[in-house]
Amino acid sequence: MEIICIVCPNGCRMEASGEGGNLQVSGNLCPKGIDFAKAEITAPMRSLTTTVATVFPESPRLPVKTRSEIPKGKVMEAMAKIRTVVVHEPKKVGDVILPDVFGTDIIATGELAR
C-alpha cells in the first residue's frame, strides 16, 4: 500500500506491507514516517477545520477546529454536530464552541466581537 506522509514538508512516498505487528514501511526519510504509516493503516485520525454560524450579520461565520484529532471515520458525524451550532456571544481564539466531540472540543480559531 502506498502512503504519502503528511507529518513534515518532505511528503515521503512510502510503501507499507504486512499486518499488525509485522508492518514494514519503506521510503520514509525520518522515523516519523513509520509512526504515521502505522497509525494511518491501523487507526487513521484527522484534524477538522470548518466554520459555524453566528447571529452577527457583520460576521456570519466563525472559524473553528478540533483541539486534537478525531477518528477519520467520524469526520462526517462530527460535521453534522457542528452544523447545529449557532454562536450567540462574542468569542476569543481558543474558546470552546462545542465540547466533547469524539473525545475533543471544537474551539474557535478566530475572534468574534460585538
PDB file of N, CA and C in Angstrom:
ATOM      1  N   MET A   1       0.851  -1.174   0.000  1.00  0.00           N
ATOM      2  CA  MET A   1       0.000   0.000   0.000  1.00  0.00           C
ATOM      3  C   MET A   1       0.895   1.235   0.000  1.00  0.00           C
ATOM      4  N   GLU A   2       0.608   2.175  -0.899  1.00  0.00           N
ATOM      5  CA  GLU A   2       1.376   3.417  -0.931  1.00  0.00           C
ATOM      6  C   GLU A   2       0.733   4.442   0.005  1.00  0.00           C
ATOM      7  N   ILE A   3       1.580   5.123   0.775  1.00  0.00           N
ATOM      8  CA  ILE A   3       1.130   6.151   1.706  1.00  0.00           C
ATOM      9  C   ILE A   3       2.031   7.360   1.520  1.00  0.00           C
ATOM     10  N   ILE A   4       1.432   8.531   1.438  1.00  0.00           N
ATOM     11  CA  ILE A   4       2.212   9.762   1.381  1.00  0.00           C
ATOM     12  C   ILE A   4       2.162  10.393   2.762  1.00  0.00           C
ATOM     13  N   CYS A   5       3.316  10.532   3.362  1.00  0.00           N
ATOM     14  CA  CYS A   5       3.403  11.076   4.720  1.00  0.00           C
ATOM     15  C   CYS A   5       3.110  12.575   4.706  1.00  0.00           C
ATOM     16  N   ILE A   6       2.331  13.027   5.674  1.00  0.00           N
ATOM     17  CA  ILE A   6       1.981  14.446   5.787  1.00  0.00           C
ATOM     18  C   ILE A   6       2.501  15.068   7.088  1.00  0.00           C
ATOM     19  N   VAL A   7       3.404  14.373   7.762  1.00  0.00           N
ATOM     20  CA  VAL A   7       3.896  14.858   9.051  1.00  0.00           C
ATOM     21  C   VAL A   7       4.850  16.033   8.882  1.00  0.00           C
ATOM     22  N   CYS A   8       5.696  15.994   7.885  1.00  0.00           N
ATOM     23  CA  CYS A   8       6.653  17.083   7.667  1.00  0.00           C
ATOM     24  C   CYS A   8       6.625  17.496   6.193  1.00  0.00           C
ATOM     25  N   PRO A   9       7.338  18.529   5.828  1.00  0.00           N
ATOM     26  CA  PRO A   9       7.302  19.015   4.436  1.00  0.00           C
ATOM     27  C   PRO A   9       7.909  18.067   3.393  1.00  0.00           C
ATOM     28  N   ASN A  10       8.606  17.014   3.802  1.00  0.00           N
ATOM     29  CA  ASN A  10       9.213  16.100   2.833  1.00  0.00           C
ATOM     30  C   ASN A  10       8.177  15.384   1.973  1.00  0.00           C
ATOM     31  N   GLY A  11       7.020  15.075   2.524  1.00  0.00           N
ATOM     32  CA  GLY A  11       5.977  14.378   1.766  1.00  0.00           C
ATOM     33  C   GLY A  11       6.459  13.047   1.216  1.00  0.00           C
ATOM     34  N   CYS A  12       7.093  12.262   2.051  1.00  0.00           N
ATOM     35  CA  CYS A  12       7.669  10.986   1.614  1.00  0.00           C
ATOM     36  C   CYS A  12       6.602  10.058   1.028  1.00  0.00           C
ATOM     37  N   ARG A  13       6.926   9.445  -0.097  1.00  0.00           N
ATOM     38  CA  ARG A  13       6.082   8.395  -0.677  1.00  0.00           C
ATOM     39  C   ARG A  13       6.601   7.081  -0.108  1.00  0.00           C
ATOM     40  N   MET A  14       5.798   6.491   0.758  1.00  0.00           N
ATOM     41  CA  MET A  14       6.216   5.285   1.457  1.00  0.00           C
ATOM     42  C   MET A  14       5.419   4.092   0.970  1.00  0.00           C
ATOM     43  N   GLU A  15       5.995   2.945   1.140  1.00  0.00           N
ATOM     44  CA  GLU A  15       5.334   1.687   0.813  1.00  0.00           C
ATOM     45  C   GLU A  15       5.197   0.912   2.123  1.00  0.00           C
ATOM     46  N   ALA A  16       3.977   0.491   2.435  1.00  0.00           N
ATOM     47  CA  ALA A  16       3.713  -0.272   3.653  1.00  0.00           C
ATOM     48  C   ALA A  16       3.177  -1.639   3.269  1.00  0.00           C
ATOM     49  N   SER A  17       3.671  -2.658   3.952  1.00  0.00           N
ATOM     50  CA  SER A  17       3.188  -4.013   3.704  1.00  0.00           C
ATOM     51  C   SER A  17       3.178  -4.781   5.015  1.00  0.00           C
ATOM     52  N   GLY A  18       2.425  -5.872   5.041  1.00  0.00           N
ATOM     53  CA  GLY A  18       2.310  -6.675   6.246  1.00  0.00           C
ATOM     54  C   GLY A  18       1.065  -6.315   7.022  1.00  0.00           C
ATOM     55  N   GLU A  19       0.921  -6.947   8.183  1.00  0.00           N
ATOM     56  CA  GLU A  19      -0.247  -6.714   9.025  1.00  0.00           C
ATOM     57  C   GLU A  19       0.156  -6.651  10.484  1.00  0.00           C
ATOM     58  N   GLY A  20      -0.673  -5.989  11.276  1.00  0.00           N
ATOM     59  CA  GLY A  20      -0.486  -5.934  12.726  1.00  0.00           C
ATOM     60  C   GLY A  20       0.921  -5.539  13.119  1.00  0.00           C
ATOM     61  N   GLY A  21       1.543  -6.370  13.951  1.00  0.00           N
ATOM     62  CA  GLY A  21       2.888  -6.097  14.446  1.00  0.00           C
ATOM     63  C   GLY A  21       3.972  -6.328  13.418  1.00  0.00           C
ATOM     64  N   ASN A  22       3.635  -6.908  12.270  1.00  0.00           N
ATOM     65  CA  ASN A  22       4.625  -7.186  11.222  1.00  0.00           C
ATOM     66  C   ASN A  22       4.569  -6.170  10.092  1.00  0.00           C
ATOM     67  N   LEU A  23       4.129  -4.984  10.353  1.00  0.00           N
ATOM     68  CA  LEU A  23       4.031  -3.955   9.334  1.00  0.00           C
ATOM     69  C   LEU A  23       5.425  -3.447   8.980  1.00  0.00           C
ATOM     70  N   GLN A  24       5.755  -3.459   7.705  1.00  0.00           N
ATOM     71  CA  GLN A  24       7.037  -2.971   7.212  1.00  0.00           C
ATOM     72  C   GLN A  24       6.798  -1.710   6.395  1.00  0.00           C
ATOM     73  N   VAL A  25       7.599  -0.673   6.650  1.00  0.00           N
ATOM     74  CA  VAL A  25       7.459   0.600   5.954  1.00  0.00           C
ATOM     75  C   VAL A  25       8.796   0.956   5.325  1.00  0.00           C
ATOM     76  N   SER A  26       8.762   1.351   4.061  1.00  0.00           N
ATOM     77  CA  SER A  26       9.983   1.803   3.390  1.00  0.00           C
ATOM     78  C   SER A  26       9.700   3.100   2.654  1.00  0.00           C
ATOM     79  N   GLY A  27      10.761   3.848   2.380  1.00  0.00           N
ATOM     80  CA  GLY A  27      10.633   5.108   1.654  1.00  0.00           C
ATOM     81  C   GLY A  27      10.576   6.332   2.535  1.00  0.00           C
ATOM     82  N   ASN A  28      10.549   6.151   3.837  1.00  0.00           N
ATOM     83  CA  ASN A  28      10.500   7.288   4.753  1.00  0.00           C
ATOM     84  C   ASN A  28      11.894   7.885   4.939  1.00  0.00           C
ATOM     85  N   LEU A  29      11.954   9.212   5.032  1.00  0.00           N
ATOM     86  CA  LEU A  29      13.229   9.886   5.262  1.00  0.00           C
ATOM     87  C   LEU A  29      13.504  10.126   6.745  1.00  0.00           C
ATOM     88  N   CYS A  30      12.484   9.965   7.583  1.00  0.00           N
ATOM     89  CA  CYS A  30      12.678  10.148   9.023  1.00  0.00           C
ATOM     90  C   CYS A  30      11.815   9.138   9.777  1.00  0.00           C
ATOM     91  N   PRO A  31      12.100   8.915  11.060  1.00  0.00           N
ATOM     92  CA  PRO A  31      11.323   7.941  11.841  1.00  0.00           C
ATOM     93  C   PRO A  31       9.841   8.294  11.985  1.00  0.00           C
ATOM     94  N   LYS A  32       9.496   9.565  11.849  1.00  0.00           N
ATOM     95  CA  LYS A  32       8.095   9.978  11.974  1.00  0.00           C
ATOM     96  C   LYS A  32       7.230   9.319  10.911  1.00  0.00           C
ATOM     97  N   GLY A  33       7.821   9.042   9.762  1.00  0.00           N
ATOM     98  CA  GLY A  33       7.073   8.415   8.668  1.00  0.00           C
ATOM     99  C   GLY A  33       6.573   7.037   9.040  1.00  0.00           C
ATOM    100  N   ILE A  34       7.387   6.282   9.751  1.00  0.00           N
ATOM    101  CA  ILE A  34       6.996   4.932  10.166  1.00  0.00           C
ATOM    102  C   ILE A  34       5.787   5.010  11.100  1.00  0.00           C
ATOM    103  N   ASP A  35       5.850   5.902  12.076  1.00  0.00           N
ATOM    104  CA  ASP A  35       4.736   6.062  13.015  1.00  0.00           C
ATOM    105  C   ASP A  35       3.470   6.515  12.284  1.00  0.00           C
ATOM    106  N   PHE A  36       3.632   7.444  11.341  1.00  0.00           N
ATOM    107  CA  PHE A  36       2.476   7.926  10.582  1.00  0.00           C
ATOM    108  C   PHE A  36       1.847   6.793   9.784  1.00  0.00           C
ATOM    109  N   ALA A  37       2.667   6.016   9.090  1.00  0.00           N
ATOM    110  CA  ALA A  37       2.148   4.918   8.268  1.00  0.00           C
ATOM    111  C   ALA A  37       1.408   3.894   9.129  1.00  0.00           C
ATOM    112  N   LYS A  38       1.974   3.534  10.258  1.00  0.00           N
ATOM    113  CA  LYS A  38       1.323   2.563  11.140  1.00  0.00           C
ATOM    114  C   LYS A  38      -0.020   3.089  11.636  1.00  0.00           C
ATOM    115  N   ALA A  39      -0.053   4.350  12.041  1.00  0.00           N
ATOM    116  CA  ALA A  39      -1.304   4.947  12.526  1.00  0.00           C
ATOM    117  C   ALA A  39      -2.317   5.053  11.393  1.00  0.00           C
ATOM    118  N   GLU A  40      -1.865   5.417  10.206  1.00  0.00           N
ATOM    119  CA  GLU A  40      -2.769   5.584   9.072  1.00  0.00           C
ATOM    120  C   GLU A  40      -3.414   4.261   8.671  1.00  0.00           C
ATOM    121  N   ILE A  41      -2.693   3.170   8.824  1.00  0.00           N
ATOM    122  CA  ILE A  41      -3.228   1.866   8.461  1.00  0.00           C
ATOM    123  C   ILE A  41      -4.116   1.296   9.565  1.00  0.00           C
ATOM    124  N   THR A  42      -3.728   1.476  10.814  1.00  0.00           N
ATOM    125  CA  THR A  42      -4.473   0.850  11.910  1.00  0.00           C
ATOM    126  C   THR A  42      -5.613   1.702  12.457  1.00  0.00           C
ATOM    127  N   ALA A  43      -5.405   3.012  12.590  1.00  0.00           N
ATOM    128  CA  ALA A  43      -6.434   3.891  13.172  1.00  0.00           C
ATOM    129  C   ALA A  43      -6.236   5.313  12.655  1.00  0.00           C
ATOM    130  N   PRO A  44      -6.643   5.595  11.412  1.00  0.00           N
ATOM    131  CA  PRO A  44      -6.410   6.927  10.856  1.00  0.00           C
ATOM    132  C   PRO A  44      -7.166   8.012  11.624  1.00  0.00           C
ATOM    133  N   MET A  45      -6.484   9.111  11.852  1.00  0.00           N
ATOM    134  CA  MET A  45      -7.043  10.247  12.581  1.00  0.00           C
ATOM    135  C   MET A  45      -6.919  11.492  11.711  1.00  0.00           C
ATOM    136  N   ARG A  46      -7.798  12.464  11.949  1.00  0.00           N
ATOM    137  CA  ARG A  46      -7.776  13.708  11.191  1.00  0.00           C
ATOM    138  C   ARG A  46      -8.112  14.895  12.082  1.00  0.00           C
ATOM    139  N   SER A  47      -7.505  16.038  11.770  1.00  0.00           N
ATOM    140  CA  SER A  47      -7.931  17.315  12.332  1.00  0.00           C
ATOM    141  C   SER A  47      -9.071  17.807  11.456  1.00  0.00           C
ATOM    142  N   LEU A  48      -9.949  18.592  12.029  1.00  0.00           N
ATOM    143  CA  LEU A  48     -11.100  19.095  11.292  1.00  0.00           C
ATOM    144  C   LEU A  48     -11.149  20.603  11.450  1.00  0.00           C
ATOM    145  N   THR A  49     -11.167  21.317  10.351  1.00  0.00           N
ATOM    146  CA  THR A  49     -11.325  22.774  10.372  1.00  0.00           C
ATOM    147  C   THR A  49     -12.547  23.119   9.539  1.00  0.00           C
ATOM    148  N   THR A  50     -13.349  24.047  10.054  1.00  0.00           N
ATOM    149  CA  THR A  50     -14.583  24.435   9.365  1.00  0.00           C
ATOM    150  C   THR A  50     -15.045  25.766   9.948  1.00  0.00           C
ATOM    151  N   THR A  51     -16.301  26.087   9.772  1.00  0.00           N
ATOM    152  CA  THR A  51     -16.884  27.289  10.366  1.00  0.00           C
ATOM    153  C   THR A  51     -18.229  26.939  10.980  1.00  0.00           C
ATOM    154  N   VAL A  52     -18.674  27.793  11.897  1.00  0.00           N
ATOM    155  CA  VAL A  52     -20.011  27.667  12.473  1.00  0.00           C
ATOM    156  C   VAL A  52     -20.758  28.969  12.233  1.00  0.00           C
ATOM    157  N   ALA A  53     -22.065  28.877  12.231  1.00  0.00           N
ATOM    158  CA  ALA A  53     -22.907  30.059  12.037  1.00  0.00           C
ATOM    159  C   ALA A  53     -22.900  30.937  13.282  1.00  0.00           C
ATOM    160  N   THR A  54     -23.126  32.235  13.068  1.00  0.00           N
ATOM    161  CA  THR A  54     -23.295  33.176  14.181  1.00  0.00           C
ATOM    162  C   THR A  54     -24.567  33.987  13.925  1.00  0.00           C
ATOM    163  N   VAL A  55     -24.990  34.730  14.937  1.00  0.00           N
ATOM    164  CA  VAL A  55     -26.145  35.612  14.785  1.00  0.00           C
ATOM    165  C   VAL A  55     -25.734  37.027  14.396  1.00  0.00           C
ATOM    166  N   PHE A  56     -24.449  37.249  14.186  1.00  0.00           N
ATOM    167  CA  PHE A  56     -23.929  38.580  13.904  1.00  0.00           C
ATOM    168  C   PHE A  56     -23.823  38.822  12.395  1.00  0.00           C
ATOM    169  N   PRO A  57     -24.604  39.755  11.852  1.00  0.00           N
ATOM    170  CA  PRO A  57     -24.595  39.990  10.403  1.00  0.00           C
ATOM    171  C   PRO A  57     -23.222  40.390   9.858  1.00  0.00           C
ATOM    172  N   GLU A  58     -22.436  41.103  10.671  1.00  0.00           N
ATOM    173  CA  GLU A  58     -21.113  41.536  10.205  1.00  0.00           C
ATOM    174  C   GLU A  58     -20.085  40.398  10.230  1.00  0.00           C
ATOM    175  N   SER A  59     -20.388  39.320  10.935  1.00  0.00           N
ATOM    176  CA  SER A  59     -19.535  38.125  11.000  1.00  0.00           C
ATOM    177  C   SER A  59     -20.435  36.893  11.018  1.00  0.00           C
ATOM    178  N   PRO A  60     -20.979  36.509   9.879  1.00  0.00           N
ATOM    179  CA  PRO A  60     -21.944  35.407   9.858  1.00  0.00           C
ATOM    180  C   PRO A  60     -21.349  34.029  10.107  1.00  0.00           C
ATOM    181  N   ARG A  61     -20.034  33.883   9.996  1.00  0.00           N
ATOM    182  CA  ARG A  61     -19.375  32.593  10.227  1.00  0.00           C
ATOM    183  C   ARG A  61     -18.170  32.803  11.141  1.00  0.00           C
ATOM    184  N   LEU A  62     -17.924  31.830  12.016  1.00  0.00           N
ATOM    185  CA  LEU A  62     -16.775  31.845  12.915  1.00  0.00           C
ATOM    186  C   LEU A  62     -15.921  30.619  12.586  1.00  0.00           C
ATOM    187  N   PRO A  63     -14.626  30.807  12.305  1.00  0.00           N
ATOM    188  CA  PRO A  63     -13.784  29.651  12.029  1.00  0.00           C
ATOM    189  C   PRO A  63     -13.517  28.839  13.303  1.00  0.00           C
ATOM    190  N   VAL A  64     -13.565  27.516  13.160  1.00  0.00           N
ATOM    191  CA  VAL A  64     -13.347  26.602  14.285  1.00  0.00           C
ATOM    192  C   VAL A  64     -12.491  25.417  13.831  1.00  0.00           C
ATOM    193  N   LYS A  65     -11.996  24.664  14.813  1.00  0.00           N
ATOM    194  CA  LYS A  65     -11.257  23.432  14.518  1.00  0.00           C
ATOM    195  C   LYS A  65     -11.352  22.507  15.711  1.00  0.00           C
ATOM    196  N   THR A  66     -10.953  21.255  15.491  1.00  0.00           N
ATOM    197  CA  THR A  66     -10.854  20.322  16.596  1.00  0.00           C
ATOM    198  C   THR A  66      -9.589  20.646  17.387  1.00  0.00           C
ATOM    199  N   ARG A  67      -9.673  20.524  18.709  1.00  0.00           N
ATOM    200  CA  ARG A  67      -8.492  20.772  19.546  1.00  0.00           C
ATOM    201  C   ARG A  67      -7.428  19.705  19.288  1.00  0.00           C
ATOM    202  N   SER A  68      -7.879  18.492  19.033  1.00  0.00           N
ATOM    203  CA  SER A  68      -6.979  17.388  18.680  1.00  0.00           C
ATOM    204  C   SER A  68      -7.664  16.557  17.597  1.00  0.00           C
ATOM    205  N   GLU A  69      -6.982  15.568  17.101  1.00  0.00           N
ATOM    206  CA  GLU A  69      -7.517  14.767  16.009  1.00  0.00           C
ATOM    207  C   GLU A  69      -8.667  13.863  16.461  1.00  0.00           C
ATOM    208  N   ILE A  70      -9.526  13.536  15.494  1.00  0.00           N
ATOM    209  CA  ILE A  70     -10.630  12.605  15.720  1.00  0.00           C
ATOM    210  C   ILE A  70     -10.488  11.449  14.736  1.00  0.00           C
ATOM    211  N   PRO A  71     -11.130  10.320  14.990  1.00  0.00           N
ATOM    212  CA  PRO A  71     -11.067   9.215  14.033  1.00  0.00           C
ATOM    213  C   PRO A  71     -11.579   9.653  12.653  1.00  0.00           C
ATOM    214  N   LYS A  72     -10.852   9.279  11.627  1.00  0.00           N
ATOM    215  CA  LYS A  72     -11.211   9.660  10.260  1.00  0.00           C
ATOM    216  C   LYS A  72     -12.646   9.261   9.914  1.00  0.00           C
ATOM    217  N   GLY A  73     -13.077   8.119  10.378  1.00  0.00           N
ATOM    218  CA  GLY A  73     -14.428   7.641  10.096  1.00  0.00           C
ATOM    219  C   GLY A  73     -15.527   8.428  10.785  1.00  0.00           C
ATOM    220  N   LYS A  74     -15.177   9.323  11.694  1.00  0.00           N
ATOM    221  CA  LYS A  74     -16.166  10.114  12.438  1.00  0.00           C
ATOM    222  C   LYS A  74     -16.260  11.561  11.938  1.00  0.00           C
ATOM    223  N   VAL A  75     -15.507  11.911  10.900  1.00  0.00           N
ATOM    224  CA  VAL A  75     -15.484  13.297  10.422  1.00  0.00           C
ATOM    225  C   VAL A  75     -16.870  13.769   9.988  1.00  0.00           C
ATOM    226  N   MET A  76     -17.579  12.972   9.212  1.00  0.00           N
ATOM    227  CA  MET A  76     -18.906  13.401   8.737  1.00  0.00           C
ATOM    228  C   MET A  76     -19.903  13.519   9.884  1.00  0.00           C
ATOM    229  N   GLU A  77     -19.798  12.627  10.861  1.00  0.00           N
ATOM    230  CA  GLU A  77     -20.668  12.697  12.036  1.00  0.00           C
ATOM    231  C   GLU A  77     -20.354  13.955  12.856  1.00  0.00           C
ATOM    232  N   ALA A  78     -19.074  14.279  12.968  1.00  0.00           N
ATOM    233  CA  ALA A  78     -18.677  15.494  13.676  1.00  0.00           C
ATOM    234  C   ALA A  78     -19.209  16.726  12.954  1.00  0.00           C
ATOM    235  N   MET A  79     -19.142  16.721  11.627  1.00  0.00           N
ATOM    236  CA  MET A  79     -19.668  17.847  10.856  1.00  0.00           C
ATOM    237  C   MET A  79     -21.170  18.012  11.067  1.00  0.00           C
ATOM    238  N   ALA A  80     -21.882  16.920  11.173  1.00  0.00           N
ATOM    239  CA  ALA A  80     -23.332  17.004  11.422  1.00  0.00           C
ATOM    240  C   ALA A  80     -23.597  17.690  12.757  1.00  0.00           C
ATOM    241  N   LYS A  81     -22.803  17.390  13.766  1.00  0.00           N
ATOM    242  CA  LYS A  81     -22.958  18.046  15.076  1.00  0.00           C
ATOM    243  C   LYS A  81     -22.605  19.522  14.984  1.00  0.00           C
ATOM    244  N   ILE A  82     -21.524  19.827  14.285  1.00  0.00           N
ATOM    245  CA  ILE A  82     -21.055  21.210  14.165  1.00  0.00           C
ATOM    246  C   ILE A  82     -22.083  22.069  13.428  1.00  0.00           C
ATOM    247  N   ARG A  83     -22.741  21.505  12.426  1.00  0.00           N
ATOM    248  CA  ARG A  83     -23.735  22.263  11.650  1.00  0.00           C
ATOM    249  C   ARG A  83     -24.931  22.712  12.494  1.00  0.00           C
ATOM    250  N   THR A  84     -25.134  22.112  13.657  1.00  0.00           N
ATOM    251  CA  THR A  84     -26.259  22.505  14.513  1.00  0.00           C
ATOM    252  C   THR A  84     -25.939  23.724  15.376  1.00  0.00           C
ATOM    253  N   VAL A  85     -24.683  24.143  15.403  1.00  0.00           N
ATOM    254  CA  VAL A  85     -24.246  25.216  16.298  1.00  0.00           C
ATOM    255  C   VAL A  85     -24.492  26.587  15.675  1.00  0.00           C
ATOM    256  N   VAL A  86     -25.033  27.503  16.507  1.00  0.00           N
ATOM    257  CA  VAL A  86     -25.136  28.919  16.155  1.00  0.00           C
ATOM    258  C   VAL A  86     -24.585  29.691  17.350  1.00  0.00           C
ATOM    259  N   VAL A  87     -23.573  30.502  17.107  1.00  0.00           N
ATOM    260  CA  VAL A  87     -22.921  31.267  18.169  1.00  0.00           C
ATOM    261  C   VAL A  87     -23.690  32.564  18.394  1.00  0.00           C
ATOM    262  N   HIS A  88     -24.040  32.820  19.679  1.00  0.00           N
ATOM    263  CA  HIS A  88     -24.839  33.988  20.050  1.00  0.00           C
ATOM    264  C   HIS A  88     -24.055  35.003  20.873  1.00  0.00           C
ATOM    265  N   GLU A  89     -22.795  34.695  21.228  1.00  0.00           N
ATOM    266  CA  GLU A  89     -21.999  35.572  22.094  1.00  0.00           C
ATOM    267  C   GLU A  89     -20.619  35.793  21.486  1.00  0.00           C
ATOM    268  N   PRO A  90     -19.954  36.898  21.849  1.00  0.00           N
ATOM    269  CA  PRO A  90     -18.586  37.116  21.377  1.00  0.00           C
ATOM    270  C   PRO A  90     -17.673  35.953  21.808  1.00  0.00           C
ATOM    271  N   LYS A  91     -16.681  35.644  20.999  1.00  0.00           N
ATOM    272  CA  LYS A  91     -15.753  34.551  21.277  1.00  0.00           C
ATOM    273  C   LYS A  91     -14.329  34.996  20.997  1.00  0.00           C
ATOM    274  N   LYS A  92     -13.378  34.366  21.717  1.00  0.00           N
ATOM    275  CA  LYS A  92     -11.954  34.587  21.500  1.00  0.00           C
ATOM    276  C   LYS A  92     -11.332  33.298  20.982  1.00  0.00           C
ATOM    277  N   VAL A  93     -10.176  33.423  20.377  1.00  0.00           N
ATOM    278  CA  VAL A  93      -9.443  32.245  19.909  1.00  0.00           C
ATOM    279  C   VAL A  93      -9.234  31.294  21.081  1.00  0.00           C
ATOM    280  N   GLY A  94      -9.563  30.036  20.883  1.00  0.00           N
ATOM    281  CA  GLY A  94      -9.380  29.023  21.922  1.00  0.00           C
ATOM    282  C   GLY A  94     -10.633  28.734  22.736  1.00  0.00           C
ATOM    283  N   ASP A  95     -11.650  29.594  22.637  1.00  0.00           N
ATOM    284  CA  ASP A  95     -12.903  29.338  23.363  1.00  0.00           C
ATOM    285  C   ASP A  95     -13.546  28.059  22.840  1.00  0.00           C
ATOM    286  N   VAL A  96     -14.102  27.278  23.755  1.00  0.00           N
ATOM    287  CA  VAL A  96     -14.789  26.048  23.364  1.00  0.00           C
ATOM    288  C   VAL A  96     -16.147  26.424  22.771  1.00  0.00           C
ATOM    289  N   ILE A  97     -16.384  25.949  21.566  1.00  0.00           N
ATOM    290  CA  ILE A  97     -17.646  26.203  20.877  1.00  0.00           C
ATOM    291  C   ILE A  97     -18.584  25.009  21.036  1.00  0.00           C
ATOM    292  N   LEU A  98     -18.017  23.812  20.993  1.00  0.00           N
ATOM    293  CA  LEU A  98     -18.789  22.581  21.139  1.00  0.00           C
ATOM    294  C   LEU A  98     -17.920  21.573  21.889  1.00  0.00           C
ATOM    295  N   PRO A  99     -18.286  21.212  23.127  1.00  0.00           N
ATOM    296  CA  PRO A  99     -17.452  20.303  23.909  1.00  0.00           C
ATOM    297  C   PRO A  99     -17.637  18.831  23.519  1.00  0.00           C
ATOM    298  N   ASP A 100     -16.606  18.073  23.756  1.00  0.00           N
ATOM    299  CA  ASP A 100     -16.604  16.608  23.673  1.00  0.00           C
ATOM    300  C   ASP A 100     -17.224  16.044  22.392  1.00  0.00           C
ATOM    301  N   VAL A 101     -16.592  16.344  21.295  1.00  0.00           N
ATOM    302  CA  VAL A 101     -16.976  15.744  20.018  1.00  0.00           C
ATOM    303  C   VAL A 101     -15.943  14.653  19.732  1.00  0.00           C
ATOM    304  N   PHE A 102     -16.339  13.410  19.971  1.00  0.00           N
ATOM    305  CA  PHE A 102     -15.453  12.258  19.797  1.00  0.00           C
ATOM    306  C   PHE A 102     -14.136  12.429  20.545  1.00  0.00           C
ATOM    307  N   GLY A 103     -14.241  12.900  21.782  1.00  0.00           N
ATOM    308  CA  GLY A 103     -13.079  12.984  22.663  1.00  0.00           C
ATOM    309  C   GLY A 103     -12.288  14.269  22.587  1.00  0.00           C
ATOM    310  N   THR A 104     -12.735  15.229  21.813  1.00  0.00           N
ATOM    311  CA  THR A 104     -12.049  16.516  21.759  1.00  0.00           C
ATOM    312  C   THR A 104     -13.085  17.630  21.700  1.00  0.00           C
ATOM    313  N   ASP A 105     -12.629  18.847  21.861  1.00  0.00           N
ATOM    314  CA  ASP A 105     -13.519  20.007  21.784  1.00  0.00           C
ATOM    315  C   ASP A 105     -13.377  20.685  20.432  1.00  0.00           C
ATOM    316  N   ILE A 106     -14.433  21.339  20.004  1.00  0.00           N
ATOM    317  CA  ILE A 106     -14.376  22.209  18.843  1.00  0.00           C
ATOM    318  C   ILE A 106     -14.128  23.610  19.402  1.00  0.00           C
ATOM    319  N   ILE A 107     -13.049  24.236  18.952  1.00  0.00           N
ATOM    320  CA  ILE A 107     -12.648  25.535  19.501  1.00  0.00           C
ATOM    321  C   ILE A 107     -12.616  26.606  18.415  1.00  0.00           C
ATOM    322  N   ALA A 108     -12.771  27.852  18.848  1.00  0.00           N
ATOM    323  CA  ALA A 108     -12.712  28.991  17.930  1.00  0.00           C
ATOM    324  C   ALA A 108     -11.274  29.220  17.488  1.00  0.00           C
ATOM    325  N   THR A 109     -11.101  29.532  16.217  1.00  0.00           N
ATOM    326  CA  THR A 109      -9.774  29.893  15.702  1.00  0.00           C
ATOM    327  C   THR A 109      -9.752  31.333  15.233  1.00  0.00           C
ATOM    328  N   GLY A 110     -10.837  32.049  15.487  1.00  0.00           N
ATOM    329  CA  GLY A 110     -10.930  33.466  15.153  1.00  0.00           C
ATOM    330  C   GLY A 110     -11.658  34.197  16.256  1.00  0.00           C
ATOM    331  N   GLU A 111     -11.602  35.502  16.190  1.00  0.00           N
ATOM    332  CA  GLU A 111     -12.278  36.361  17.162  1.00  0.00           C
ATOM    333  C   GLU A 111     -13.665  36.705  16.664  1.00  0.00           C
ATOM    334  N   LEU A 112     -14.593  36.821  17.579  1.00  0.00           N
ATOM    335  CA  LEU A 112     -15.945  37.265  17.253  1.00  0.00           C
ATOM    336  C   LEU A 112     -16.351  38.269  18.312  1.00  0.00           C
ATOM    337  N   ALA A 113     -16.336  39.564  17.931  1.00  0.00           N
ATOM    338  CA  ALA A 113     -16.686  40.639  18.867  1.00  0.00           C
ATOM    339  C   ALA A 113     -18.003  41.251  18.444  1.00  0.00           C
ATOM    340  N   ARG A 114     -18.645  41.913  19.378  1.00  0.00           N
ATOM    341  CA  ARG A 114     -19.919  42.601  19.059  1.00  0.00           C
ATOM    342  C   ARG A 114     -19.646  43.887  18.362  1.00  0.00           C
TER     343      ARG A 114
END
